Amino acid sequence: MAKKKKILMMPVIHSKFNDKNLEDILINKSRTLLTEQKGAPPSFIFLSGSFFDVKGFVYTGLRAWKGAVKPTNSDEGRRPLLEATFASLSVYLSSLLALQADFFFAYDEIKDILLEKKREDLWTIVSEKLPFISLPPKEMYGSQSSPISPYFVIEQDDELILGEIYPSAYLTKVISNIKTRFFVFFQYQGYSAFGFFDALPDRANFGFEEKAREIDAEPTSDNLQKYATNAKNLKEVLIALIESHNNAYLGQYLIEDYELLLNKLLESEEL
């Protein structure tokens, strides 16, 4: 019998170096912040990465999702399908969410201009319409739909966007046990990070409308461990993750062609 042809590009090891202490601190701090009082922590995967060549994407990940496995350079054993799914989605969503952030700034600027001109009447109209908030896809909102957005924004500020991915991105076609999927997108000094989780935690722990602490010292592994240990919200955890990726302190993985899997997720093709 002929071996079934593999049509998905799985991540492979890009850098083997991994600081286990730093990884454990980041995962445990994330778990603490995402856990509701007297509740179980949600499954989560946090990612920060950068583009590599034309279609390649190199990323660092924090994993606390049942069934998630780290990529290897071997084609044997369990495949890192869940990780490939979220890494590919993070590439696709980045450009859309950066545009969403631009809309947020424009929305605030319109507000300031109208209030300065004493046009509270116009601001009332604009604020009710919320013209810069993405609409969910047709499946979730009848005939009114967004042609580009597979997500809906729950809350955002200047740095962080919290949203939910809708079924127009066919994650359940790839991973059947994903029932819901929330995400955060964070921008920091020109870099970005994603967090994906399967239940919505206490929003007070995200750090909305709070200015995240800068890392004053050199971003050595020891300094990042101290910073992450004292992180008071998810913004600061994501800053530590971004710095960890930029300095290659945690294992890095490469998807050589993220478009292959991404097309499957967005078009609902059979896998």
Protein backbone atom coordinates (compact mmCIF):
# COMPACT_ATOMS: atom_id res chain seq x y z
CA MET A 1 0.00 0.00 0.00
CA ALA A 2 1.38 3.40 -0.97
CA LYS A 3 2.21 5.70 1.90
CA LYS A 4 -0.27 8.56 2.22
CA LYS A 5 1.25 11.80 0.99
CA LYS A 6 1.67 14.45 3.66
CA ILE A 7 0.26 17.78 2.53
CA LEU A 8 0.93 19.86 5.65
CA MET A 9 4.18 21.58 6.56
CA MET A 10 4.94 20.85 10.23
CA PRO A 11 7.34 22.98 12.32
CA VAL A 12 10.89 21.70 12.79
CA ILE A 13 13.64 22.64 15.24
CA HIS A 14 15.39 25.88 14.35
CA SER A 15 17.40 26.38 17.57
CA LYS A 16 17.88 23.69 20.22
CA PHE A 17 19.05 25.92 23.06
CA ASN A 18 16.42 26.17 25.79
CA ASP A 19 16.63 27.71 29.27
CA LYS A 20 14.36 25.40 31.26
CA ASN A 21 14.17 27.68 34.32
CA LEU A 22 13.03 30.63 32.21
CA GLU A 23 10.51 28.48 30.35
CA ASP A 24 9.04 27.09 33.59
CA ILE A 25 8.71 30.55 35.15
CA LEU A 26 6.91 31.91 32.09
CA ILE A 27 4.54 28.93 31.90
CA ASN A 28 3.75 28.98 35.64
CA LYS A 29 3.20 32.74 35.68
CA SER A 30 0.91 32.45 32.63
CA ARG A 31 -1.01 29.63 34.29
CA THR A 32 -1.46 31.72 37.46
CA LEU A 33 -2.75 34.76 35.57
CA LEU A 34 -5.11 32.73 33.37
CA THR A 35 -6.68 30.75 36.22
CA GLU A 36 -9.97 31.97 37.62
CA GLN A 37 -10.52 31.87 41.38
CA LYS A 38 -11.20 28.28 42.50
CA GLY A 39 -11.10 27.22 38.87
CA ALA A 40 -8.88 25.13 36.66
CA PRO A 41 -6.43 26.93 34.39
CA PRO A 42 -7.38 26.98 30.72
CA SER A 43 -5.24 25.30 28.12
CA PHE A 44 -3.00 27.85 26.44
CA ILE A 45 -0.23 28.34 23.91
CA PHE A 46 1.77 31.59 23.74
CA LEU A 47 3.85 32.41 20.68
CA SER A 48 6.29 35.08 19.60
CA GLY A 49 8.08 34.93 16.29
CA SER A 50 9.55 36.57 13.24
CA PHE A 51 9.47 35.98 9.51
CA PHE A 52 12.15 33.81 7.96
CA ASP A 53 12.75 33.95 4.21
CA VAL A 54 9.62 34.40 2.05
CA LYS A 55 7.08 31.99 3.54
CA GLY A 56 8.97 30.87 6.61
CA PHE A 57 8.14 31.73 10.21
CA VAL A 58 10.44 31.16 13.21
CA TYR A 59 8.80 31.26 16.64
CA THR A 60 9.19 30.52 20.33
CA GLY A 61 6.31 28.89 22.19
CA LEU A 62 5.00 28.32 25.70
CA ARG A 63 2.74 25.27 25.87
CA ALA A 64 0.18 24.20 28.47
CA TRP A 65 -2.42 22.58 26.24
CA LYS A 66 -3.33 18.92 26.59
CA GLY A 67 -2.12 17.05 23.54
CA ALA A 68 0.38 19.73 22.48
CA VAL A 69 3.79 18.35 21.54
CA LYS A 70 6.98 20.16 20.71
CA PRO A 71 8.15 19.86 17.12
CA THR A 72 11.12 17.66 16.31
CA ASN A 73 13.21 17.07 13.22
CA SER A 74 11.91 13.52 13.06
CA ASP A 75 8.84 12.53 11.08
CA GLU A 76 8.01 9.78 13.55
CA GLY A 77 5.65 9.87 16.51
CA ARG A 78 2.96 12.45 17.20
CA ARG A 79 2.85 15.46 14.93
CA PRO A 80 2.76 19.00 16.38
CA LEU A 81 -0.49 19.77 14.58
CA LEU A 82 -1.96 21.99 17.28
CA GLU A 83 1.18 24.08 17.45
CA ALA A 84 1.41 24.36 13.66
CA THR A 85 -2.22 25.45 13.59
CA PHE A 86 -1.80 28.30 16.06
CA ALA A 87 1.58 29.38 14.69
CA SER A 88 0.13 29.64 11.18
CA LEU A 89 -2.93 31.50 12.43
CA SER A 90 -0.74 33.97 14.31
CA VAL A 91 1.00 34.88 11.04
CA TYR A 92 -2.33 35.45 9.30
CA LEU A 93 -3.96 37.36 12.16
CA SER A 94 -0.96 39.63 12.77
CA SER A 95 -1.60 41.83 9.74
CA LEU A 96 -5.33 42.06 10.44
CA LEU A 97 -4.83 42.87 14.11
CA ALA A 98 -2.20 45.49 13.35
CA LEU A 99 -4.85 47.15 11.19
CA GLN A 100 -7.31 46.77 14.06
CA ALA A 101 -4.85 48.60 16.32
CA ASP A 102 -4.58 51.42 13.76
CA PHE A 103 -8.37 51.71 13.76
CA PHE A 104 -8.29 51.96 17.56
CA PHE A 105 -5.89 54.92 17.39
CA ALA A 106 -8.04 56.57 14.69
CA TYR A 107 -11.15 56.04 16.80
CA ASP A 108 -9.52 57.74 19.80
CA GLU A 109 -8.31 60.63 17.66
CA ILE A 110 -11.80 61.21 16.26
CA LYS A 111 -13.13 61.26 19.81
CA ASP A 112 -10.58 63.88 20.93
CA ILE A 113 -11.26 66.10 17.91
CA LEU A 114 -15.04 65.99 18.31
CA LEU A 115 -14.92 66.66 22.04
CA GLU A 116 -12.46 69.51 21.54
CA LYS A 117 -14.87 71.03 19.01
CA LYS A 118 -17.67 70.56 21.55
CA ARG A 119 -19.50 68.19 19.22
CA GLU A 120 -20.65 65.70 21.81
CA ASP A 121 -23.68 65.08 19.61
CA LEU A 122 -21.51 63.72 16.80
CA TRP A 123 -19.37 61.72 19.23
CA THR A 124 -22.53 60.09 20.61
CA ILE A 125 -23.44 58.96 17.10
CA VAL A 126 -19.93 57.67 16.35
CA SER A 127 -19.59 55.87 19.69
CA GLU A 128 -22.91 54.09 19.17
CA LYS A 129 -21.96 52.88 15.70
CA LEU A 130 -18.49 51.61 16.67
CA PRO A 131 -17.33 51.75 13.03
CA PHE A 132 -13.83 50.44 13.67
CA ILE A 133 -14.70 47.22 15.48
CA SER A 134 -14.44 44.08 13.36
CA LEU A 135 -17.65 42.21 12.65
CA PRO A 136 -17.93 38.46 13.10
CA PRO A 137 -18.32 36.41 9.92
CA LYS A 138 -21.63 35.67 8.26
CA GLU A 139 -22.05 32.35 10.08
CA MET A 140 -22.26 34.21 13.38
CA TYR A 141 -24.02 37.44 12.46
CA GLY A 142 -26.55 36.84 9.72
CA SER A 143 -26.14 38.75 6.47
CA GLN A 144 -23.90 41.46 7.94
CA SER A 145 -20.37 40.12 7.82
CA SER A 146 -16.75 41.13 7.61
CA PRO A 147 -15.04 40.08 4.38
CA ILE A 148 -11.62 39.78 6.00
CA SER A 149 -11.98 39.15 9.71
CA PRO A 150 -12.23 35.65 11.21
CA TYR A 151 -12.35 37.09 14.73
CA PHE A 152 -14.36 39.41 16.95
CA VAL A 153 -12.76 41.90 19.33
CA ILE A 154 -13.86 41.61 22.97
CA GLU A 155 -11.65 44.35 24.43
CA GLN A 156 -8.55 46.31 23.44
CA ASP A 157 -6.28 49.17 24.43
CA ASP A 158 -3.19 50.74 22.89
CA GLU A 159 -1.09 47.57 23.26
CA LEU A 160 -3.32 44.54 23.69
CA ILE A 161 -6.28 43.05 21.79
CA LEU A 162 -8.47 40.30 23.27
CA GLY A 163 -10.72 38.49 20.83
CA GLU A 164 -12.34 35.24 19.80
CA ILE A 165 -11.73 33.29 16.61
CA TYR A 166 -14.95 32.23 14.92
CA PRO A 167 -15.78 29.10 12.93
CA SER A 168 -14.93 30.80 9.65
CA ALA A 169 -11.41 29.62 10.54
CA TYR A 170 -12.04 25.91 10.48
CA LEU A 171 -9.96 24.87 13.46
CA THR A 172 -12.27 21.98 14.34
CA LYS A 173 -11.54 20.47 10.93
CA VAL A 174 -7.95 20.13 12.09
CA ILE A 175 -8.30 19.56 15.84
CA SER A 176 -11.71 18.19 16.78
CA ASN A 177 -11.49 18.90 20.53
CA ILE A 178 -11.09 22.69 20.14
CA LYS A 179 -14.50 23.98 21.19
CA THR A 180 -13.75 27.67 21.56
CA ARG A 181 -10.66 29.72 21.02
CA PHE A 182 -9.81 33.06 22.56
CA PHE A 183 -6.66 34.99 21.80
CA VAL A 184 -4.62 38.02 22.79
CA PHE A 185 -2.40 39.98 20.42
CA PHE A 186 0.26 42.20 21.98
CA GLN A 187 2.60 44.72 20.35
CA TYR A 188 5.80 45.86 22.03
CA GLN A 189 8.56 48.02 20.51
CA GLY A 190 7.87 46.78 17.01
CA TYR A 191 7.53 43.11 18.02
CA SER A 192 4.43 41.07 18.71
CA ALA A 193 3.21 38.03 20.60
CA PHE A 194 0.07 35.90 20.66
CA GLY A 195 -1.69 33.95 23.37
CA PHE A 196 -4.34 31.34 22.50
CA PHE A 197 -6.51 29.73 25.20
CA ASP A 198 -9.69 27.66 25.38
CA ALA A 199 -11.56 29.54 28.14
CA LEU A 200 -11.87 33.21 29.02
CA PRO A 201 -10.06 34.06 32.30
CA ASP A 202 -10.53 37.07 34.58
CA ARG A 203 -10.00 40.12 32.39
CA ALA A 204 -8.41 42.04 35.26
CA ASN A 205 -5.27 39.92 34.76
CA PHE A 206 -4.69 41.03 31.17
CA GLY A 207 -3.48 44.52 32.07
CA PHE A 208 -5.88 46.56 29.94
CA GLU A 209 -5.36 50.30 30.35
CA GLU A 210 -2.22 49.62 32.39
CA LYS A 211 1.25 50.58 31.20
CA ALA A 212 3.43 47.47 31.26
CA ARG A 213 6.78 47.78 33.03
CA GLU A 214 9.82 48.18 30.81
CA ILE A 215 12.77 45.83 31.27
CA ASP A 216 15.34 48.31 32.57
CA ALA A 217 18.32 45.95 32.78
CA GLU A 218 20.01 43.94 30.02
CA PRO A 219 17.59 41.23 28.86
CA THR A 220 19.75 38.39 30.17
CA SER A 221 18.09 35.14 31.10
CA ASP A 222 18.45 35.90 34.83
CA ASN A 223 16.94 39.36 34.43
CA LEU A 224 14.04 38.00 32.38
CA GLN A 225 13.40 35.38 35.04
CA LYS A 226 13.19 38.08 37.72
CA TYR A 227 11.00 40.26 35.51
CA ALA A 228 8.62 37.37 34.68
CA THR A 229 8.42 36.24 38.31
CA ASN A 230 7.17 39.71 39.27
CA ALA A 231 4.88 40.12 36.24
CA LYS A 232 1.57 41.54 37.39
CA ASN A 233 -0.38 40.91 34.18
CA LEU A 234 -0.27 39.10 30.84
CA LYS A 235 1.23 42.10 29.07
CA GLU A 236 4.41 41.68 31.10
CA VAL A 237 4.51 37.92 30.51
CA LEU A 238 4.31 38.59 26.78
CA ILE A 239 7.11 41.18 26.99
CA ALA A 240 9.29 38.54 28.64
CA LEU A 241 8.34 36.05 25.90
CA ILE A 242 9.20 38.53 23.14
CA GLU A 243 12.59 39.23 24.73
CA SER A 244 13.18 35.50 25.20
CA HIS A 245 12.53 34.92 21.50
CA ASN A 246 14.64 37.87 20.36
CA ASN A 247 17.58 36.61 22.43
CA ALA A 248 17.05 32.90 21.56
CA TYR A 249 16.78 31.80 25.22
CA LEU A 250 14.01 29.27 24.51
CA GLY A 251 13.76 26.62 21.82
CA GLN A 252 12.90 28.07 18.42
CA TYR A 253 10.92 26.32 15.68
CA LEU A 254 10.56 26.93 11.97
CA ILE A 255 7.57 26.54 9.68
CA GLU A 256 9.14 26.62 6.23
CA ASP A 257 5.84 27.31 4.44
CA TYR A 258 3.06 28.44 6.76
CA GLU A 259 0.71 29.11 3.81
CA LEU A 260 0.12 25.38 3.22
CA LEU A 261 -1.60 24.82 6.55
CA LEU A 262 -3.09 28.29 6.67
CA ASN A 263 -4.99 27.73 3.42
CA LYS A 264 -6.52 24.59 4.90
CA LEU A 265 -7.64 26.44 8.00
CA LEU A 266 -9.27 29.27 6.07
CA GLU A 267 -10.78 27.29 3.19
CA SER A 268 -11.97 24.21 5.09
CA GLU A 269 -10.24 21.86 2.70
CA GLU A 270 -10.00 18.24 3.74
CA LEU A 271 -6.81 17.39 5.55
